[in-house]
Amino acid sequence: MSYDKVEVVAKLRRLADALEQGKPFEIQIAGKRVYMPARATVEFEYEQLEDHEEIEIEVSWTRS
């Protein structure tokens, strides 16, 4: 699902604030409410394909 720039900035800012403060993060994606614990890890991935390039921000955690 794509979001407009204002929505993306707001979501990334909230995520960055949660990570910086060591707090959990809550987000709604495609109608589903997702709860990210403070212990989540973040990875940046870059992919260069034949006709386009991608940067992905991957946030992951194990369920307890």
PDB file of N, CA and C in Angstrom:
ATOM      1  N   MET A   1       0.834  -1.173   0.000  1.00  0.00           N
ATOM      2  CA  MET A   1       0.000   0.000   0.000  1.00  0.00           C
ATOM      3  C   MET A   1       0.884   1.243   0.000  1.00  0.00           C
ATOM      4  N   SER A   2       0.552   2.206  -0.821  1.00  0.00           N
ATOM      5  CA  SER A   2       1.306   3.456  -0.897  1.00  0.00           C
ATOM      6  C   SER A   2       0.595   4.542  -0.107  1.00  0.00           C
ATOM      7  N   TYR A   3       1.388   5.426   0.474  1.00  0.00           N
ATOM      8  CA  TYR A   3       0.867   6.563   1.225  1.00  0.00           C
ATOM      9  C   TYR A   3       1.403   7.837   0.601  1.00  0.00           C
ATOM     10  N   ASP A   4       0.689   8.944   0.813  1.00  0.00           N
ATOM     11  CA  ASP A   4       1.225  10.207   0.298  1.00  0.00           C
ATOM     12  C   ASP A   4       2.379  10.645   1.194  1.00  0.00           C
ATOM     13  N   LYS A   5       3.154  11.606   0.710  1.00  0.00           N
ATOM     14  CA  LYS A   5       4.375  12.019   1.385  1.00  0.00           C
ATOM     15  C   LYS A   5       4.130  12.487   2.823  1.00  0.00           C
ATOM     16  N   VAL A   6       3.057  13.232   3.054  1.00  0.00           N
ATOM     17  CA  VAL A   6       2.756  13.726   4.402  1.00  0.00           C
ATOM     18  C   VAL A   6       2.528  12.562   5.363  1.00  0.00           C
ATOM     19  N   GLU A   7       1.795  11.533   4.920  1.00  0.00           N
ATOM     20  CA  GLU A   7       1.537  10.361   5.767  1.00  0.00           C
ATOM     21  C   GLU A   7       2.826   9.590   6.045  1.00  0.00           C
ATOM     22  N   VAL A   8       3.660   9.439   5.028  1.00  0.00           N
ATOM     23  CA  VAL A   8       4.927   8.717   5.191  1.00  0.00           C
ATOM     24  C   VAL A   8       5.815   9.435   6.204  1.00  0.00           C
ATOM     25  N   VAL A   9       5.928  10.729   6.063  1.00  0.00           N
ATOM     26  CA  VAL A   9       6.760  11.506   6.986  1.00  0.00           C
ATOM     27  C   VAL A   9       6.254  11.357   8.413  1.00  0.00           C
ATOM     28  N   ALA A  10       4.957  11.450   8.616  1.00  0.00           N
ATOM     29  CA  ALA A  10       4.383  11.328   9.958  1.00  0.00           C
ATOM     30  C   ALA A  10       4.647   9.947  10.558  1.00  0.00           C
ATOM     31  N   LYS A  11       4.468   8.897   9.760  1.00  0.00           N
ATOM     32  CA  LYS A  11       4.694   7.533  10.252  1.00  0.00           C
ATOM     33  C   LYS A  11       6.171   7.301  10.579  1.00  0.00           C
ATOM     34  N   LEU A  12       7.060   7.763   9.698  1.00  0.00           N
ATOM     35  CA  LEU A  12       8.493   7.595   9.951  1.00  0.00           C
ATOM     36  C   LEU A  12       8.943   8.393  11.166  1.00  0.00           C
ATOM     37  N   ARG A  13       8.394   9.581  11.346  1.00  0.00           N
ATOM     38  CA  ARG A  13       8.751  10.401  12.495  1.00  0.00           C
ATOM     39  C   ARG A  13       8.320   9.713  13.790  1.00  0.00           C
ATOM     40  N   ARG A  14       7.098   9.153  13.803  1.00  0.00           N
ATOM     41  CA  ARG A  14       6.618   8.441  14.992  1.00  0.00           C
ATOM     42  C   ARG A  14       7.469   7.212  15.271  1.00  0.00           C
ATOM     43  N   LEU A  15       7.845   6.481  14.201  1.00  0.00           N
ATOM     44  CA  LEU A  15       8.701   5.304  14.362  1.00  0.00           C
ATOM     45  C   LEU A  15      10.061   5.708  14.915  1.00  0.00           C
ATOM     46  N   ALA A  16      10.658   6.747  14.352  1.00  0.00           N
ATOM     47  CA  ALA A  16      11.963   7.209  14.817  1.00  0.00           C
ATOM     48  C   ALA A  16      11.900   7.638  16.278  1.00  0.00           C
ATOM     49  N   ASP A  17      10.860   8.348  16.653  1.00  0.00           N
ATOM     50  CA  ASP A  17      10.700   8.776  18.045  1.00  0.00           C
ATOM     51  C   ASP A  17      10.609   7.571  18.979  1.00  0.00           C
ATOM     52  N   ALA A  18       9.824   6.565  18.598  1.00  0.00           N
ATOM     53  CA  ALA A  18       9.671   5.357  19.426  1.00  0.00           C
ATOM     54  C   ALA A  18      11.008   4.631  19.567  1.00  0.00           C
ATOM     55  N   LEU A  19      11.744   4.485  18.466  1.00  0.00           N
ATOM     56  CA  LEU A  19      13.037   3.805  18.513  1.00  0.00           C
ATOM     57  C   LEU A  19      14.015   4.573  19.394  1.00  0.00           C
ATOM     58  N   GLU A  20      14.054   5.892  19.220  1.00  0.00           N
ATOM     59  CA  GLU A  20      14.981   6.717  19.983  1.00  0.00           C
ATOM     60  C   GLU A  20      14.686   6.673  21.476  1.00  0.00           C
ATOM     61  N   GLN A  21      13.415   6.619  21.828  1.00  0.00           N
ATOM     62  CA  GLN A  21      13.005   6.633  23.227  1.00  0.00           C
ATOM     63  C   GLN A  21      12.907   5.232  23.835  1.00  0.00           C
ATOM     64  N   GLY A  22      13.148   4.196  23.020  1.00  0.00           N
ATOM     65  CA  GLY A  22      13.065   2.823  23.514  1.00  0.00           C
ATOM     66  C   GLY A  22      11.653   2.432  23.891  1.00  0.00           C
ATOM     67  N   LYS A  23      10.682   2.948  23.136  1.00  0.00           N
ATOM     68  CA  LYS A  23       9.275   2.675  23.431  1.00  0.00           C
ATOM     69  C   LYS A  23       8.650   1.810  22.340  1.00  0.00           C
ATOM     70  N   PRO A  24       7.571   1.110  22.657  1.00  0.00           N
ATOM     71  CA  PRO A  24       6.854   0.359  21.628  1.00  0.00           C
ATOM     72  C   PRO A  24       6.213   1.313  20.619  1.00  0.00           C
ATOM     73  N   PHE A  25       5.831   0.777  19.483  1.00  0.00           N
ATOM     74  CA  PHE A  25       5.274   1.565  18.396  1.00  0.00           C
ATOM     75  C   PHE A  25       4.024   0.863  17.883  1.00  0.00           C
ATOM     76  N   GLU A  26       3.018   1.624  17.557  1.00  0.00           N
ATOM     77  CA  GLU A  26       1.769   1.078  17.030  1.00  0.00           C
ATOM     78  C   GLU A  26       1.481   1.767  15.691  1.00  0.00           C
ATOM     79  N   ILE A  27       1.098   0.969  14.698  1.00  0.00           N
ATOM     80  CA  ILE A  27       0.817   1.510  13.376  1.00  0.00           C
ATOM     81  C   ILE A  27      -0.297   0.698  12.741  1.00  0.00           C
ATOM     82  N   GLN A  28      -1.071   1.335  11.905  1.00  0.00           N
ATOM     83  CA  GLN A  28      -2.100   0.619  11.144  1.00  0.00           C
ATOM     84  C   GLN A  28      -1.637   0.534   9.696  1.00  0.00           C
ATOM     85  N   ILE A  29      -1.581  -0.692   9.187  1.00  0.00           N
ATOM     86  CA  ILE A  29      -1.137  -0.940   7.821  1.00  0.00           C
ATOM     87  C   ILE A  29      -2.182  -1.787   7.130  1.00  0.00           C
ATOM     88  N   ALA A  30      -2.718  -1.274   6.034  1.00  0.00           N
ATOM     89  CA  ALA A  30      -3.741  -1.985   5.256  1.00  0.00           C
ATOM     90  C   ALA A  30      -4.879  -2.477   6.141  1.00  0.00           C
ATOM     91  N   GLY A  31      -5.311  -1.625   7.071  1.00  0.00           N
ATOM     92  CA  GLY A  31      -6.442  -1.954   7.921  1.00  0.00           C
ATOM     93  C   GLY A  31      -6.124  -2.835   9.114  1.00  0.00           C
ATOM     94  N   LYS A  32      -4.865  -3.227   9.272  1.00  0.00           N
ATOM     95  CA  LYS A  32      -4.482  -4.091  10.396  1.00  0.00           C
ATOM     96  C   LYS A  32      -3.641  -3.291  11.389  1.00  0.00           C
ATOM     97  N   ARG A  33      -3.985  -3.378  12.657  1.00  0.00           N
ATOM     98  CA  ARG A  33      -3.249  -2.703  13.723  1.00  0.00           C
ATOM     99  C   ARG A  33      -2.061  -3.578  14.105  1.00  0.00           C
ATOM    100  N   VAL A  34      -0.843  -3.014  14.040  1.00  0.00           N
ATOM    101  CA  VAL A  34       0.391  -3.743  14.327  1.00  0.00           C
ATOM    102  C   VAL A  34       1.070  -3.096  15.525  1.00  0.00           C
ATOM    103  N   TYR A  35       1.500  -3.923  16.472  1.00  0.00           N
ATOM    104  CA  TYR A  35       2.186  -3.450  17.673  1.00  0.00           C
ATOM    105  C   TYR A  35       3.637  -3.908  17.629  1.00  0.00           C
ATOM    106  N   MET A  36       4.550  -2.958  17.577  1.00  0.00           N
ATOM    107  CA  MET A  36       5.978  -3.239  17.536  1.00  0.00           C
ATOM    108  C   MET A  36       6.550  -3.018  18.939  1.00  0.00           C
ATOM    109  N   PRO A  37       7.162  -4.037  19.526  1.00  0.00           N
ATOM    110  CA  PRO A  37       7.742  -3.850  20.861  1.00  0.00           C
ATOM    111  C   PRO A  37       9.025  -3.014  20.787  1.00  0.00           C
ATOM    112  N   ALA A  38       9.426  -2.481  21.922  1.00  0.00           N
ATOM    113  CA  ALA A  38      10.627  -1.645  21.990  1.00  0.00           C
ATOM    114  C   ALA A  38      11.889  -2.423  21.614  1.00  0.00           C
ATOM    115  N   ARG A  39      11.873  -3.732  21.733  1.00  0.00           N
ATOM    116  CA  ARG A  39      13.063  -4.549  21.458  1.00  0.00           C
ATOM    117  C   ARG A  39      13.257  -4.840  19.963  1.00  0.00           C
ATOM    118  N   ALA A  40      12.404  -4.326  19.106  1.00  0.00           N
ATOM    119  CA  ALA A  40      12.483  -4.584  17.662  1.00  0.00           C
ATOM    120  C   ALA A  40      13.821  -4.103  17.095  1.00  0.00           C
ATOM    121  N   THR A  41      14.245  -4.771  16.043  1.00  0.00           N
ATOM    122  CA  THR A  41      15.470  -4.365  15.351  1.00  0.00           C
ATOM    123  C   THR A  41      15.103  -3.791  13.984  1.00  0.00           C
ATOM    124  N   VAL A  42      15.975  -2.934  13.471  1.00  0.00           N
ATOM    125  CA  VAL A  42      15.715  -2.253  12.203  1.00  0.00           C
ATOM    126  C   VAL A  42      16.873  -2.518  11.249  1.00  0.00           C
ATOM    127  N   GLU A  43      16.546  -2.834  10.010  1.00  0.00           N
ATOM    128  CA  GLU A  43      17.549  -3.039   8.965  1.00  0.00           C
ATOM    129  C   GLU A  43      17.183  -2.190   7.757  1.00  0.00           C
ATOM    130  N   PHE A  44      18.198  -1.704   7.074  1.00  0.00           N
ATOM    131  CA  PHE A  44      18.000  -1.008   5.811  1.00  0.00           C
ATOM    132  C   PHE A  44      18.508  -1.918   4.705  1.00  0.00           C
ATOM    133  N   GLU A  45      17.721  -2.047   3.659  1.00  0.00           N
ATOM    134  CA  GLU A  45      18.108  -2.888   2.532  1.00  0.00           C
ATOM    135  C   GLU A  45      18.039  -2.067   1.252  1.00  0.00           C
ATOM    136  N   TYR A  46      18.982  -2.316   0.354  1.00  0.00           N
ATOM    137  CA  TYR A  46      19.022  -1.636  -0.933  1.00  0.00           C
ATOM    138  C   TYR A  46      19.051  -2.693  -2.026  1.00  0.00           C
ATOM    139  N   GLU A  47      18.257  -2.474  -3.048  1.00  0.00           N
ATOM    140  CA  GLU A  47      18.213  -3.421  -4.160  1.00  0.00           C
ATOM    141  C   GLU A  47      18.204  -2.633  -5.468  1.00  0.00           C
ATOM    142  N   GLN A  48      19.089  -3.019  -6.366  1.00  0.00           N
ATOM    143  CA  GLN A  48      19.149  -2.397  -7.679  1.00  0.00           C
ATOM    144  C   GLN A  48      18.739  -3.450  -8.702  1.00  0.00           C
ATOM    145  N   LEU A  49      17.626  -3.187  -9.360  1.00  0.00           N
ATOM    146  CA  LEU A  49      17.113  -4.090 -10.370  1.00  0.00           C
ATOM    147  C   LEU A  49      17.379  -3.493 -11.748  1.00  0.00           C
ATOM    148  N   GLU A  50      16.981  -4.212 -12.761  1.00  0.00           N
ATOM    149  CA  GLU A  50      17.270  -3.774 -14.122  1.00  0.00           C
ATOM    150  C   GLU A  50      16.706  -2.382 -14.423  1.00  0.00           C
ATOM    151  N   ASP A  51      15.466  -2.138 -14.003  1.00  0.00           N
ATOM    152  CA  ASP A  51      14.827  -0.875 -14.385  1.00  0.00           C
ATOM    153  C   ASP A  51      14.469   0.040 -13.215  1.00  0.00           C
ATOM    154  N   HIS A  52      14.768  -0.354 -11.982  1.00  0.00           N
ATOM    155  CA  HIS A  52      14.500   0.522 -10.840  1.00  0.00           C
ATOM    156  C   HIS A  52      15.327   0.112  -9.627  1.00  0.00           C
ATOM    157  N   GLU A  53      15.307   0.970  -8.626  1.00  0.00           N
ATOM    158  CA  GLU A  53      16.036   0.722  -7.392  1.00  0.00           C
ATOM    159  C   GLU A  53      15.070   0.831  -6.215  1.00  0.00           C
ATOM    160  N   GLU A  54      15.400   0.155  -5.119  1.00  0.00           N
ATOM    161  CA  GLU A  54      14.540   0.150  -3.940  1.00  0.00           C
ATOM    162  C   GLU A  54      15.365   0.299  -2.680  1.00  0.00           C
ATOM    163  N   ILE A  55      14.818   1.021  -1.724  1.00  0.00           N
ATOM    164  CA  ILE A  55      15.335   1.043  -0.359  1.00  0.00           C
ATOM    165  C   ILE A  55      14.198   0.554   0.515  1.00  0.00           C
ATOM    166  N   GLU A  56      14.473  -0.434   1.334  1.00  0.00           N
ATOM    167  CA  GLU A  56      13.465  -0.969   2.242  1.00  0.00           C
ATOM    168  C   GLU A  56      13.930  -0.792   3.672  1.00  0.00           C
ATOM    169  N   ILE A  57      13.002  -0.416   4.529  1.00  0.00           N
ATOM    170  CA  ILE A  57      13.259  -0.358   5.963  1.00  0.00           C
ATOM    171  C   ILE A  57      12.505  -1.532   6.565  1.00  0.00           C
ATOM    172  N   GLU A  58      13.245  -2.465   7.143  1.00  0.00           N
ATOM    173  CA  GLU A  58      12.638  -3.674   7.701  1.00  0.00           C
ATOM    174  C   GLU A  58      12.745  -3.644   9.220  1.00  0.00           C
ATOM    175  N   VAL A  59      11.609  -3.761   9.867  1.00  0.00           N
ATOM    176  CA  VAL A  59      11.551  -3.793  11.326  1.00  0.00           C
ATOM    177  C   VAL A  59      11.079  -5.190  11.711  1.00  0.00           C
ATOM    178  N   SER A  60      11.832  -5.860  12.596  1.00  0.00           N
ATOM    179  CA  SER A  60      11.443  -7.228  12.958  1.00  0.00           C
ATOM    180  C   SER A  60      11.625  -7.459  14.454  1.00  0.00           C
ATOM    181  N   TRP A  61      10.899  -8.474  14.938  1.00  0.00           N
ATOM    182  CA  TRP A  61      10.950  -8.867  16.345  1.00  0.00           C
ATOM    183  C   TRP A  61      10.376 -10.255  16.475  1.00  0.00           C
ATOM    184  N   THR A  62      10.707 -10.901  17.560  1.00  0.00           N
ATOM    185  CA  THR A  62      10.120 -12.211  17.848  1.00  0.00           C
ATOM    186  C   THR A  62       8.934 -12.012  18.778  1.00  0.00           C
ATOM    187  N   ARG A  63       7.931 -12.827  18.589  1.00  0.00           N
ATOM    188  CA  ARG A  63       6.769 -12.780  19.476  1.00  0.00           C
ATOM    189  C   ARG A  63       7.111 -13.459  20.786  1.00  0.00           C
ATOM    190  N   SER A  64       6.648 -12.867  21.870  1.00  0.00           N
ATOM    191  CA  SER A  64       6.954 -13.478  23.175  1.00  0.00           C
ATOM    192  C   SER A  64       5.741 -14.188  23.741  1.00  0.00           C
TER     193      SER A  64
END
